[in-house]
N, C-alpha and C. Protein backbone atom coordinates (compact mmCIF):
# COMPACT_ATOMS: atom_id res chain seq x y z
N MET A 1 -42.97 -12.40 8.86
CA MET A 1 -41.61 -12.34 9.39
C MET A 1 -41.17 -13.76 9.76
N GLY A 2 -40.02 -14.17 9.22
CA GLY A 2 -39.56 -15.52 9.44
C GLY A 2 -39.02 -15.72 10.84
N MET A 3 -38.93 -16.96 11.22
CA MET A 3 -38.37 -17.30 12.52
C MET A 3 -36.87 -17.02 12.52
N PRO A 4 -36.32 -16.46 13.62
CA PRO A 4 -34.88 -16.22 13.68
C PRO A 4 -34.13 -17.54 13.60
N SER A 5 -33.03 -17.49 12.82
CA SER A 5 -32.24 -18.71 12.67
C SER A 5 -31.52 -19.04 13.98
N ARG A 6 -31.46 -20.31 14.27
CA ARG A 6 -30.78 -20.73 15.48
C ARG A 6 -29.31 -21.03 15.18
N ARG A 7 -28.47 -20.63 16.12
CA ARG A 7 -27.06 -20.94 15.96
C ARG A 7 -26.83 -22.42 16.19
N LYS A 8 -25.93 -22.95 15.36
CA LYS A 8 -25.57 -24.34 15.59
C LYS A 8 -24.75 -24.43 16.87
N PRO A 9 -25.06 -25.36 17.70
CA PRO A 9 -24.29 -25.47 18.95
C PRO A 9 -22.83 -25.79 18.64
N SER A 10 -21.93 -25.13 19.38
CA SER A 10 -20.51 -25.35 19.15
C SER A 10 -20.12 -26.75 19.62
N VAL A 11 -19.26 -27.34 18.85
CA VAL A 11 -18.81 -28.69 19.17
C VAL A 11 -17.59 -28.59 20.08
N PRO A 12 -17.60 -29.27 21.21
CA PRO A 12 -16.42 -29.24 22.10
C PRO A 12 -15.18 -29.73 21.37
N THR A 13 -14.10 -28.98 21.51
CA THR A 13 -12.84 -29.36 20.86
C THR A 13 -11.73 -29.43 21.88
N LYS A 14 -10.64 -30.01 21.48
CA LYS A 14 -9.46 -30.07 22.34
C LYS A 14 -8.24 -29.68 21.52
N LEU A 15 -7.34 -28.97 22.19
CA LEU A 15 -6.10 -28.56 21.55
C LEU A 15 -5.16 -29.76 21.50
N VAL A 16 -4.68 -30.08 20.32
CA VAL A 16 -3.79 -31.24 20.20
C VAL A 16 -2.36 -30.85 19.84
N GLN A 17 -2.20 -29.65 19.20
CA GLN A 17 -0.84 -29.22 18.86
C GLN A 17 -0.85 -27.74 18.49
N ASP A 18 0.28 -27.08 18.71
CA ASP A 18 0.39 -25.68 18.28
C ASP A 18 1.81 -25.40 17.79
N TRP A 19 1.92 -24.31 17.00
CA TRP A 19 3.19 -23.93 16.41
C TRP A 19 3.35 -22.41 16.53
N GLN A 20 4.31 -21.95 17.29
CA GLN A 20 4.58 -20.52 17.43
C GLN A 20 5.24 -20.01 16.15
N LEU A 21 4.66 -18.99 15.54
CA LEU A 21 5.23 -18.45 14.32
C LEU A 21 6.42 -17.55 14.64
N PRO A 22 7.57 -17.77 14.02
CA PRO A 22 8.75 -16.95 14.32
C PRO A 22 8.59 -15.53 13.80
N ALA A 23 9.20 -14.58 14.51
CA ALA A 23 9.13 -13.17 14.11
C ALA A 23 9.74 -12.97 12.73
N ALA A 24 10.74 -13.78 12.37
CA ALA A 24 11.37 -13.66 11.05
C ALA A 24 10.39 -14.01 9.94
N ALA A 25 9.34 -14.77 10.27
CA ALA A 25 8.34 -15.15 9.29
C ALA A 25 7.21 -14.12 9.20
N THR A 26 6.75 -13.64 10.36
CA THR A 26 5.62 -12.71 10.36
C THR A 26 6.05 -11.26 10.14
N LEU A 27 7.32 -10.94 10.45
CA LEU A 27 7.83 -9.57 10.36
C LEU A 27 6.96 -8.61 11.17
N GLY A 28 6.42 -9.12 12.26
CA GLY A 28 5.62 -8.29 13.15
C GLY A 28 4.24 -7.95 12.64
N SER A 29 3.78 -8.65 11.61
CA SER A 29 2.50 -8.30 10.98
C SER A 29 1.45 -9.37 11.24
N SER A 30 0.31 -8.96 11.76
CA SER A 30 -0.80 -9.89 11.96
C SER A 30 -1.38 -10.32 10.61
N VAL A 31 -1.30 -9.43 9.61
CA VAL A 31 -1.78 -9.77 8.26
C VAL A 31 -0.90 -10.85 7.65
N ARG A 32 0.41 -10.73 7.87
CA ARG A 32 1.34 -11.75 7.38
C ARG A 32 1.10 -13.08 8.10
N ALA A 33 0.86 -13.02 9.41
CA ALA A 33 0.57 -14.25 10.17
C ALA A 33 -0.69 -14.92 9.62
N ARG A 34 -1.69 -14.11 9.30
CA ARG A 34 -2.93 -14.65 8.72
C ARG A 34 -2.64 -15.29 7.36
N GLY A 35 -1.75 -14.69 6.58
CA GLY A 35 -1.38 -15.25 5.30
C GLY A 35 -0.71 -16.61 5.43
N ILE A 36 0.11 -16.76 6.48
CA ILE A 36 0.76 -18.05 6.73
C ILE A 36 -0.29 -19.10 7.10
N LEU A 37 -1.27 -18.70 7.90
CA LEU A 37 -2.36 -19.61 8.24
C LEU A 37 -3.07 -20.09 6.98
N LEU A 38 -3.41 -19.16 6.09
CA LEU A 38 -4.12 -19.53 4.87
C LEU A 38 -3.27 -20.44 3.99
N GLU A 39 -1.96 -20.19 3.97
CA GLU A 39 -1.06 -21.04 3.20
C GLU A 39 -1.07 -22.47 3.76
N ALA A 40 -1.03 -22.57 5.09
CA ALA A 40 -1.05 -23.89 5.73
C ALA A 40 -2.39 -24.60 5.51
N ARG A 41 -3.48 -23.83 5.62
CA ARG A 41 -4.81 -24.44 5.41
C ARG A 41 -4.97 -24.94 3.98
N ALA A 42 -4.41 -24.21 3.01
CA ALA A 42 -4.58 -24.58 1.61
C ALA A 42 -3.99 -25.94 1.29
N ARG A 43 -3.05 -26.39 2.12
CA ARG A 43 -2.40 -27.68 1.88
C ARG A 43 -3.06 -28.83 2.64
N LEU A 44 -4.12 -28.52 3.35
CA LEU A 44 -4.83 -29.55 4.11
C LEU A 44 -6.06 -30.03 3.34
N PRO A 45 -6.56 -31.23 3.65
CA PRO A 45 -7.84 -31.65 3.07
C PRO A 45 -8.92 -30.63 3.43
N PHE A 46 -9.85 -30.43 2.53
CA PHE A 46 -10.85 -29.38 2.73
C PHE A 46 -11.56 -29.53 4.09
N ALA A 47 -11.92 -30.74 4.47
CA ALA A 47 -12.66 -30.95 5.72
C ALA A 47 -11.84 -30.62 6.95
N ALA A 48 -10.51 -30.58 6.81
CA ALA A 48 -9.65 -30.35 7.98
C ALA A 48 -9.19 -28.90 8.11
N ARG A 49 -9.49 -28.07 7.14
CA ARG A 49 -8.93 -26.72 7.12
C ARG A 49 -9.36 -25.87 8.31
N LYS A 50 -10.62 -25.95 8.69
CA LYS A 50 -11.12 -25.13 9.79
C LYS A 50 -10.62 -25.60 11.16
N LEU A 51 -9.99 -26.76 11.19
CA LEU A 51 -9.44 -27.24 12.47
C LEU A 51 -8.17 -26.50 12.84
N LEU A 52 -7.53 -25.89 11.86
CA LEU A 52 -6.31 -25.12 12.09
C LEU A 52 -6.67 -23.65 12.17
N ASP A 53 -6.20 -22.97 13.21
CA ASP A 53 -6.54 -21.56 13.39
C ASP A 53 -5.32 -20.80 13.89
N LEU A 54 -5.51 -19.49 14.04
CA LEU A 54 -4.43 -18.60 14.49
C LEU A 54 -4.84 -17.94 15.78
N GLU A 55 -4.02 -18.06 16.80
CA GLU A 55 -4.29 -17.43 18.09
C GLU A 55 -3.01 -16.77 18.60
N ALA A 56 -3.03 -15.44 18.65
CA ALA A 56 -1.90 -14.68 19.21
C ALA A 56 -0.56 -15.09 18.59
N GLY A 57 -0.52 -15.13 17.27
CA GLY A 57 0.72 -15.44 16.58
C GLY A 57 1.12 -16.90 16.63
N THR A 58 0.18 -17.77 16.97
CA THR A 58 0.45 -19.20 17.05
C THR A 58 -0.59 -19.97 16.25
N LEU A 59 -0.12 -20.90 15.42
CA LEU A 59 -1.05 -21.79 14.74
C LEU A 59 -1.48 -22.87 15.72
N VAL A 60 -2.78 -23.08 15.84
CA VAL A 60 -3.29 -24.08 16.78
C VAL A 60 -4.17 -25.08 16.05
N LEU A 61 -4.01 -26.32 16.41
CA LEU A 61 -4.81 -27.39 15.84
C LEU A 61 -5.75 -27.91 16.91
N ARG A 62 -7.04 -27.70 16.71
CA ARG A 62 -8.06 -28.17 17.65
C ARG A 62 -8.97 -29.14 16.91
N ILE A 63 -9.25 -30.24 17.50
CA ILE A 63 -10.13 -31.23 16.87
C ILE A 63 -11.30 -31.52 17.79
N PRO A 64 -12.43 -31.91 17.21
CA PRO A 64 -13.58 -32.25 18.05
C PRO A 64 -13.26 -33.45 18.95
N GLU A 65 -13.78 -33.41 20.14
CA GLU A 65 -13.61 -34.55 21.04
C GLU A 65 -14.27 -35.79 20.43
N GLU A 66 -13.69 -36.91 20.70
CA GLU A 66 -14.17 -38.18 20.16
C GLU A 66 -14.09 -38.22 18.64
N SER A 67 -13.13 -37.45 18.07
CA SER A 67 -12.99 -37.42 16.61
C SER A 67 -11.91 -38.41 16.17
N ASP A 68 -12.07 -38.94 14.97
CA ASP A 68 -11.07 -39.85 14.42
C ASP A 68 -10.23 -39.18 13.33
N VAL A 69 -10.10 -37.85 13.44
CA VAL A 69 -9.31 -37.09 12.47
C VAL A 69 -7.86 -37.55 12.50
N ASP A 70 -7.24 -37.57 11.32
CA ASP A 70 -5.84 -37.97 11.21
C ASP A 70 -4.95 -36.81 11.66
N VAL A 71 -4.73 -36.74 12.97
CA VAL A 71 -3.96 -35.64 13.54
C VAL A 71 -2.53 -35.63 13.02
N SER A 72 -1.92 -36.79 12.96
CA SER A 72 -0.53 -36.86 12.53
C SER A 72 -0.36 -36.37 11.09
N GLY A 73 -1.32 -36.70 10.26
CA GLY A 73 -1.25 -36.25 8.87
C GLY A 73 -1.37 -34.73 8.76
N ILE A 74 -2.30 -34.14 9.53
CA ILE A 74 -2.47 -32.69 9.53
C ILE A 74 -1.21 -32.01 10.08
N ALA A 75 -0.70 -32.54 11.19
CA ALA A 75 0.48 -31.96 11.81
C ALA A 75 1.68 -32.01 10.87
N SER A 76 1.82 -33.11 10.17
CA SER A 76 2.93 -33.26 9.23
C SER A 76 2.84 -32.23 8.11
N SER A 77 1.63 -32.00 7.61
CA SER A 77 1.42 -31.02 6.55
C SER A 77 1.75 -29.61 7.02
N VAL A 78 1.31 -29.26 8.23
CA VAL A 78 1.59 -27.92 8.78
C VAL A 78 3.09 -27.73 8.95
N GLU A 79 3.76 -28.74 9.45
CA GLU A 79 5.20 -28.63 9.68
C GLU A 79 5.96 -28.47 8.36
N LYS A 80 5.50 -29.12 7.32
CA LYS A 80 6.13 -28.96 6.01
C LYS A 80 5.93 -27.54 5.49
N THR A 81 4.73 -26.99 5.73
CA THR A 81 4.45 -25.61 5.32
C THR A 81 5.37 -24.64 6.04
N LEU A 82 5.57 -24.85 7.33
CA LEU A 82 6.36 -23.93 8.14
C LEU A 82 7.86 -24.08 7.90
N ASP A 83 8.27 -25.15 7.29
CA ASP A 83 9.69 -25.34 7.00
C ASP A 83 10.14 -24.35 5.93
N GLY A 84 10.93 -23.38 6.31
CA GLY A 84 11.38 -22.34 5.38
C GLY A 84 10.35 -21.27 5.10
N ILE A 85 9.36 -21.12 6.00
CA ILE A 85 8.28 -20.15 5.78
C ILE A 85 8.78 -18.71 5.74
N GLU A 86 9.97 -18.46 6.33
CA GLU A 86 10.54 -17.10 6.33
C GLU A 86 10.77 -16.59 4.91
N ALA A 87 10.94 -17.52 3.97
CA ALA A 87 11.22 -17.13 2.58
C ALA A 87 9.96 -16.98 1.74
N MET A 88 8.78 -17.23 2.31
CA MET A 88 7.54 -17.10 1.54
C MET A 88 7.38 -15.67 1.04
N PRO A 89 7.15 -15.48 -0.27
CA PRO A 89 7.03 -14.12 -0.81
C PRO A 89 5.96 -13.30 -0.06
N VAL A 90 6.22 -12.02 0.04
CA VAL A 90 5.31 -11.10 0.73
C VAL A 90 4.36 -10.51 -0.30
N ILE A 91 3.06 -10.60 -0.05
CA ILE A 91 2.06 -10.09 -0.99
C ILE A 91 1.70 -8.65 -0.64
N PRO A 92 1.02 -7.92 -1.55
CA PRO A 92 0.78 -6.49 -1.35
C PRO A 92 0.16 -6.09 -0.02
N ARG A 93 -0.93 -6.75 0.40
CA ARG A 93 -1.58 -6.32 1.65
C ARG A 93 -0.66 -6.54 2.85
N GLU A 94 0.22 -7.54 2.76
CA GLU A 94 1.18 -7.78 3.84
C GLU A 94 2.25 -6.69 3.86
N VAL A 95 2.71 -6.29 2.67
CA VAL A 95 3.70 -5.21 2.57
C VAL A 95 3.15 -3.94 3.21
N GLU A 96 1.89 -3.61 2.89
CA GLU A 96 1.28 -2.39 3.42
C GLU A 96 1.19 -2.43 4.94
N ASP A 97 0.89 -3.60 5.49
CA ASP A 97 0.78 -3.73 6.94
C ASP A 97 2.15 -3.70 7.61
N ILE A 98 3.12 -4.40 7.05
CA ILE A 98 4.46 -4.46 7.64
C ILE A 98 5.11 -3.08 7.65
N LEU A 99 5.01 -2.35 6.54
CA LEU A 99 5.67 -1.06 6.40
C LEU A 99 4.79 0.11 6.81
N SER A 100 3.53 -0.16 7.14
CA SER A 100 2.56 0.91 7.48
C SER A 100 2.48 1.94 6.36
N ILE A 101 2.24 1.47 5.15
CA ILE A 101 2.13 2.35 4.00
C ILE A 101 0.76 2.17 3.35
N SER A 102 0.40 3.13 2.51
CA SER A 102 -0.89 3.07 1.81
C SER A 102 -0.72 2.35 0.47
N SER A 103 -1.84 1.99 -0.13
CA SER A 103 -1.80 1.37 -1.45
C SER A 103 -1.20 2.32 -2.48
N ALA A 104 -1.53 3.62 -2.35
CA ALA A 104 -1.00 4.61 -3.29
C ALA A 104 0.52 4.69 -3.18
N GLU A 105 1.04 4.66 -1.95
CA GLU A 105 2.49 4.70 -1.77
C GLU A 105 3.15 3.45 -2.34
N ARG A 106 2.51 2.30 -2.11
CA ARG A 106 3.07 1.05 -2.65
C ARG A 106 3.16 1.11 -4.16
N HIS A 107 2.09 1.56 -4.81
CA HIS A 107 2.08 1.66 -6.27
C HIS A 107 3.14 2.66 -6.76
N ARG A 108 3.24 3.81 -6.10
CA ARG A 108 4.18 4.84 -6.54
C ARG A 108 5.62 4.37 -6.39
N TRP A 109 5.93 3.78 -5.25
CA TRP A 109 7.31 3.36 -4.99
C TRP A 109 7.69 2.13 -5.80
N LEU A 110 6.72 1.31 -6.13
CA LEU A 110 6.98 0.17 -7.02
C LEU A 110 7.27 0.68 -8.42
N LYS A 111 6.52 1.67 -8.86
CA LYS A 111 6.68 2.22 -10.21
C LYS A 111 8.03 2.88 -10.39
N ASP A 112 8.51 3.61 -9.37
CA ASP A 112 9.79 4.32 -9.52
C ASP A 112 11.00 3.49 -9.08
N GLY A 113 10.76 2.23 -8.68
CA GLY A 113 11.86 1.33 -8.40
C GLY A 113 12.37 1.30 -6.98
N ARG A 114 11.81 2.15 -6.12
CA ARG A 114 12.28 2.11 -4.72
C ARG A 114 11.82 0.84 -4.02
N LEU A 115 10.62 0.39 -4.35
CA LEU A 115 10.11 -0.89 -3.85
C LEU A 115 10.35 -1.91 -4.95
N GLN A 116 11.14 -2.93 -4.65
CA GLN A 116 11.61 -3.85 -5.69
C GLN A 116 10.76 -5.11 -5.74
N SER A 117 10.17 -5.34 -6.90
CA SER A 117 9.34 -6.53 -7.11
C SER A 117 10.20 -7.77 -7.24
N ALA A 118 9.69 -8.89 -6.72
CA ALA A 118 10.35 -10.18 -6.88
C ALA A 118 9.63 -11.03 -7.92
N GLY A 119 8.75 -10.40 -8.70
CA GLY A 119 7.99 -11.12 -9.70
C GLY A 119 6.50 -10.93 -9.48
N THR A 120 5.71 -11.67 -10.19
CA THR A 120 4.25 -11.57 -10.07
C THR A 120 3.64 -12.94 -9.79
N ARG A 121 2.43 -12.87 -9.25
CA ARG A 121 1.67 -14.09 -8.98
C ARG A 121 0.25 -13.88 -9.51
N THR A 122 -0.30 -14.92 -10.11
CA THR A 122 -1.67 -14.85 -10.63
C THR A 122 -2.54 -15.84 -9.88
N VAL A 123 -3.66 -15.37 -9.36
CA VAL A 123 -4.57 -16.24 -8.63
C VAL A 123 -5.99 -16.05 -9.17
N LYS A 124 -6.78 -17.08 -9.03
CA LYS A 124 -8.19 -17.01 -9.43
C LYS A 124 -9.02 -16.69 -8.21
N LEU A 125 -9.89 -15.69 -8.34
CA LEU A 125 -10.74 -15.31 -7.23
C LEU A 125 -11.76 -16.40 -6.94
N ARG A 126 -11.97 -16.66 -5.67
CA ARG A 126 -12.87 -17.74 -5.28
C ARG A 126 -14.29 -17.51 -5.82
N GLY A 127 -14.81 -18.51 -6.50
CA GLY A 127 -16.17 -18.43 -7.01
C GLY A 127 -16.32 -17.57 -8.25
N ARG A 128 -15.21 -17.12 -8.83
CA ARG A 128 -15.29 -16.27 -10.02
C ARG A 128 -14.36 -16.81 -11.10
N ALA A 129 -14.66 -16.41 -12.33
CA ALA A 129 -13.82 -16.83 -13.44
C ALA A 129 -12.61 -15.91 -13.59
N ARG A 130 -12.74 -14.69 -13.03
CA ARG A 130 -11.69 -13.69 -13.21
C ARG A 130 -10.44 -14.03 -12.41
N GLN A 131 -9.28 -13.74 -12.98
CA GLN A 131 -8.00 -13.89 -12.29
C GLN A 131 -7.40 -12.53 -12.04
N ILE A 132 -6.55 -12.44 -11.03
CA ILE A 132 -5.83 -11.20 -10.75
C ILE A 132 -4.34 -11.50 -10.68
N THR A 133 -3.55 -10.56 -11.15
CA THR A 133 -2.09 -10.69 -11.10
C THR A 133 -1.54 -9.54 -10.27
N PHE A 134 -0.62 -9.83 -9.39
CA PHE A 134 -0.06 -8.80 -8.51
C PHE A 134 1.42 -9.08 -8.27
N HIS A 135 2.14 -8.06 -7.86
CA HIS A 135 3.56 -8.20 -7.55
C HIS A 135 3.74 -8.80 -6.15
N VAL A 136 4.81 -9.58 -6.01
CA VAL A 136 5.20 -10.10 -4.70
C VAL A 136 6.61 -9.61 -4.41
N PHE A 137 7.03 -9.73 -3.14
CA PHE A 137 8.29 -9.13 -2.72
C PHE A 137 9.08 -10.10 -1.84
N GLU A 138 10.41 -9.97 -1.92
CA GLU A 138 11.27 -10.80 -1.09
C GLU A 138 11.18 -10.35 0.36
N PRO A 139 11.00 -11.27 1.30
CA PRO A 139 10.93 -10.89 2.72
C PRO A 139 12.18 -10.13 3.19
N SER A 140 13.35 -10.53 2.69
CA SER A 140 14.58 -9.85 3.10
C SER A 140 14.59 -8.39 2.68
N HIS A 141 14.04 -8.11 1.50
CA HIS A 141 13.96 -6.72 1.00
C HIS A 141 13.01 -5.90 1.88
N ILE A 142 11.86 -6.46 2.18
CA ILE A 142 10.88 -5.75 3.01
C ILE A 142 11.42 -5.53 4.42
N GLU A 143 12.10 -6.53 4.95
CA GLU A 143 12.68 -6.40 6.29
C GLU A 143 13.75 -5.31 6.31
N ASP A 144 14.53 -5.21 5.24
CA ASP A 144 15.57 -4.18 5.15
C ASP A 144 14.95 -2.79 5.12
N LEU A 145 13.88 -2.62 4.34
CA LEU A 145 13.18 -1.33 4.30
C LEU A 145 12.64 -0.96 5.67
N LEU A 146 12.13 -1.96 6.38
CA LEU A 146 11.56 -1.73 7.71
C LEU A 146 12.65 -1.34 8.70
N ASP A 147 13.75 -2.07 8.69
CA ASP A 147 14.84 -1.81 9.63
C ASP A 147 15.45 -0.42 9.42
N ARG A 148 15.51 0.02 8.18
CA ARG A 148 16.13 1.32 7.87
C ARG A 148 15.12 2.47 7.87
N ASP A 149 13.87 2.15 8.16
CA ASP A 149 12.80 3.15 8.20
C ASP A 149 12.74 3.96 6.91
N LEU A 150 12.93 3.29 5.79
CA LEU A 150 12.96 3.98 4.50
C LEU A 150 11.61 4.56 4.07
N PRO A 151 10.48 3.94 4.41
CA PRO A 151 9.22 4.55 4.01
C PRO A 151 9.06 5.99 4.49
N GLU A 152 9.48 6.28 5.71
CA GLU A 152 9.36 7.65 6.22
C GLU A 152 10.29 8.60 5.47
N LEU A 153 11.50 8.11 5.14
CA LEU A 153 12.43 8.91 4.35
C LEU A 153 11.86 9.19 2.97
N TRP A 154 11.25 8.16 2.37
CA TRP A 154 10.65 8.34 1.05
C TRP A 154 9.49 9.32 1.09
N ARG A 155 8.73 9.29 2.16
CA ARG A 155 7.61 10.23 2.28
C ARG A 155 8.13 11.67 2.30
N GLU A 156 9.22 11.91 3.04
CA GLU A 156 9.80 13.24 3.11
C GLU A 156 10.33 13.66 1.73
N GLU A 157 10.96 12.75 1.02
CA GLU A 157 11.44 13.04 -0.33
C GLU A 157 10.27 13.40 -1.24
N ASP A 158 9.18 12.66 -1.11
CA ASP A 158 8.00 12.92 -1.94
C ASP A 158 7.38 14.27 -1.62
N ARG A 159 7.38 14.63 -0.32
CA ARG A 159 6.84 15.94 0.07
C ARG A 159 7.67 17.06 -0.53
N GLN A 160 9.00 16.92 -0.49
CA GLN A 160 9.87 17.95 -1.05
C GLN A 160 9.70 18.05 -2.56
N THR A 161 9.61 16.90 -3.22
CA THR A 161 9.41 16.89 -4.66
C THR A 161 8.09 17.56 -5.04
N ALA A 162 7.03 17.24 -4.27
CA ALA A 162 5.71 17.84 -4.54
C ALA A 162 5.75 19.35 -4.35
N SER A 163 6.47 19.81 -3.29
CA SER A 163 6.59 21.24 -3.02
C SER A 163 7.33 21.95 -4.16
N GLU A 164 8.42 21.35 -4.62
CA GLU A 164 9.18 21.93 -5.73
C GLU A 164 8.35 21.97 -7.00
N ASN A 165 7.58 20.92 -7.24
CA ASN A 165 6.72 20.89 -8.43
C ASN A 165 5.65 21.97 -8.38
N ARG A 166 5.09 22.19 -7.17
CA ARG A 166 4.08 23.25 -7.03
C ARG A 166 4.68 24.62 -7.30
N LYS A 167 5.93 24.85 -6.81
CA LYS A 167 6.59 26.15 -7.02
C LYS A 167 6.87 26.37 -8.50
N ARG A 168 7.34 25.31 -9.18
CA ARG A 168 7.62 25.44 -10.61
C ARG A 168 6.32 25.71 -11.38
N ALA A 169 5.26 25.01 -11.00
CA ALA A 169 3.97 25.21 -11.67
C ALA A 169 3.45 26.63 -11.45
N ALA A 170 3.62 27.14 -10.22
CA ALA A 170 3.18 28.51 -9.92
C ALA A 170 3.99 29.53 -10.71
N GLY A 171 5.30 29.27 -10.85
CA GLY A 171 6.15 30.17 -11.63
C GLY A 171 5.76 30.20 -13.09
N LYS A 172 5.48 29.03 -13.66
CA LYS A 172 5.06 28.95 -15.05
C LYS A 172 3.73 29.67 -15.26
N ALA A 173 2.81 29.50 -14.29
CA ALA A 173 1.50 30.14 -14.40
C ALA A 173 1.65 31.66 -14.34
N ALA A 174 2.55 32.15 -13.45
CA ALA A 174 2.77 33.60 -13.34
C ALA A 174 3.36 34.16 -14.63
N MET A 175 4.30 33.43 -15.23
CA MET A 175 4.90 33.88 -16.49
C MET A 175 3.86 33.91 -17.60
N ALA A 176 2.97 32.91 -17.61
CA ALA A 176 1.92 32.87 -18.64
C ALA A 176 0.97 34.04 -18.49
N ARG A 177 0.61 34.36 -17.23
CA ARG A 177 -0.30 35.50 -17.00
C ARG A 177 0.36 36.81 -17.42
N ALA A 178 1.65 36.97 -17.11
CA ALA A 178 2.37 38.19 -17.47
C ALA A 178 2.46 38.33 -18.99
N SER A 179 2.67 37.21 -19.66
CA SER A 179 2.75 37.23 -21.12
C SER A 179 1.42 37.65 -21.74
N LYS A 180 0.31 37.17 -21.16
CA LYS A 180 -1.01 37.53 -21.67
C LYS A 180 -1.29 39.01 -21.45
N ARG A 181 -0.90 39.55 -20.26
CA ARG A 181 -1.14 40.98 -19.99
C ARG A 181 -0.34 41.86 -20.94
N LYS A 182 0.90 41.42 -21.22
CA LYS A 182 1.75 42.21 -22.12
C LYS A 182 1.17 42.24 -23.51
N ALA A 183 0.63 41.07 -23.95
CA ALA A 183 0.06 41.00 -25.29
C ALA A 183 -1.19 41.86 -25.41
N ALA A 184 -1.91 42.03 -24.31
CA ALA A 184 -3.17 42.79 -24.35
C ALA A 184 -2.97 44.28 -24.15
N SER A 185 -1.81 44.76 -23.64
CA SER A 185 -1.57 46.17 -23.34
C SER A 185 -1.09 46.91 -24.58
N PRO A 186 -1.18 48.30 -24.63
CA PRO A 186 -0.69 49.09 -25.78
C PRO A 186 0.81 48.94 -25.92
N ASP A 187 1.33 49.41 -27.06
CA ASP A 187 2.77 49.33 -27.31
C ASP A 187 3.50 50.22 -26.33
N GLU A 188 4.21 49.61 -25.41
CA GLU A 188 4.89 50.37 -24.35
C GLU A 188 6.13 51.08 -24.88
N ASN A 189 6.60 50.72 -26.06
CA ASN A 189 7.80 51.36 -26.60
C ASN A 189 7.52 52.73 -27.22
N ARG A 190 6.22 53.14 -27.36
CA ARG A 190 5.87 54.43 -27.97
C ARG A 190 5.74 55.46 -26.86
N PRO A 191 6.58 56.49 -26.82
CA PRO A 191 6.54 57.48 -25.73
C PRO A 191 5.21 58.21 -25.71
N GLU A 192 4.63 58.31 -24.50
CA GLU A 192 3.34 58.98 -24.36
C GLU A 192 3.46 60.47 -24.66
N ALA A 193 4.63 61.11 -24.37
CA ALA A 193 4.79 62.55 -24.55
C ALA A 193 4.67 62.92 -26.02
N GLU A 194 5.07 62.00 -26.90
CA GLU A 194 4.98 62.30 -28.31
C GLU A 194 3.56 62.20 -28.82
N GLU A 195 2.68 61.55 -28.09
CA GLU A 195 1.31 61.38 -28.54
C GLU A 195 0.48 62.64 -28.24
N LEU A 196 0.89 63.44 -27.26
CA LEU A 196 0.10 64.59 -26.84
C LEU A 196 0.61 65.87 -27.51
N GLU A 197 -0.24 66.52 -28.29
CA GLU A 197 0.14 67.76 -28.93
C GLU A 197 0.00 68.88 -27.92
N GLY A 198 0.98 69.80 -27.89
CA GLY A 198 0.93 70.95 -27.00
C GLY A 198 1.11 70.61 -25.54
N TRP A 199 1.81 69.55 -25.26
CA TRP A 199 2.00 69.11 -23.88
C TRP A 199 2.73 70.15 -23.05
N ASP A 200 3.77 70.80 -23.66
CA ASP A 200 4.54 71.80 -22.93
C ASP A 200 3.67 72.98 -22.52
N ALA A 201 2.78 73.38 -23.40
CA ALA A 201 1.90 74.49 -23.09
C ALA A 201 0.91 74.11 -22.01
N PHE A 202 0.40 72.89 -22.09
CA PHE A 202 -0.57 72.40 -21.09
C PHE A 202 0.08 72.38 -19.70
N GLU A 203 1.35 71.93 -19.67
CA GLU A 203 2.05 71.85 -18.38
C GLU A 203 2.35 73.23 -17.82
N SER A 204 2.66 74.21 -18.75
CA SER A 204 3.03 75.57 -18.31
C SER A 204 1.84 76.26 -17.67
N MET A 205 0.61 75.86 -17.99
CA MET A 205 -0.59 76.46 -17.40
C MET A 205 -0.81 75.99 -15.98
N GLY A 206 -0.06 75.03 -15.56
CA GLY A 206 -0.15 74.56 -14.18
C GLY A 206 -1.36 73.72 -13.88
N MET A 207 -1.89 73.05 -14.90
CA MET A 207 -3.10 72.24 -14.69
C MET A 207 -2.84 71.02 -13.83
N LEU A 208 -1.58 70.59 -13.74
CA LEU A 208 -1.28 69.41 -12.96
C LEU A 208 -0.84 69.74 -11.55
N ARG A 209 -0.79 71.05 -11.22
CA ARG A 209 -0.33 71.44 -9.89
C ARG A 209 -1.49 71.58 -8.93
């Protein structure tokens, strides 16, 4: 059994700057706020990315004490990222969090046009050769859906449509079963009284009374 790994001691840091993310940018979503953080980190030098973090809807820049990090350069990059951040396209996982919808609902509503795509984006997965392409959405469109509570209305429409489809399917199945029974039964157009010889005499004997 190997020796337990020791944690690296945390390096004392100091807060040097922070940026409160506007509600118009996050749309009330912690997932969207995290996406903004990743966008800002992606524009920083690799060694500086972990110095920027997210705390309670605020981007914070903390640097190690006695560090010679170029704070002004990092701050300038973050501020450029945040300039116009409200217009940053909304990606699928952010849409699901903002609207409180499932992946299945997102796919269904995108397919039937209720959820309007603003185009696609292709990214390469970290450490892999494979790329993925997904739809992105305009923040104004997603905000409008949220404000009008359209996802709940769409769910009710979908429930009604599903109910109507089940009724139609049940009706078709009942008609099919009736058609099969009719095909399997004797010819109903042939009167039974004509098939029985001496019926009048049989009845006159009172056998059915």
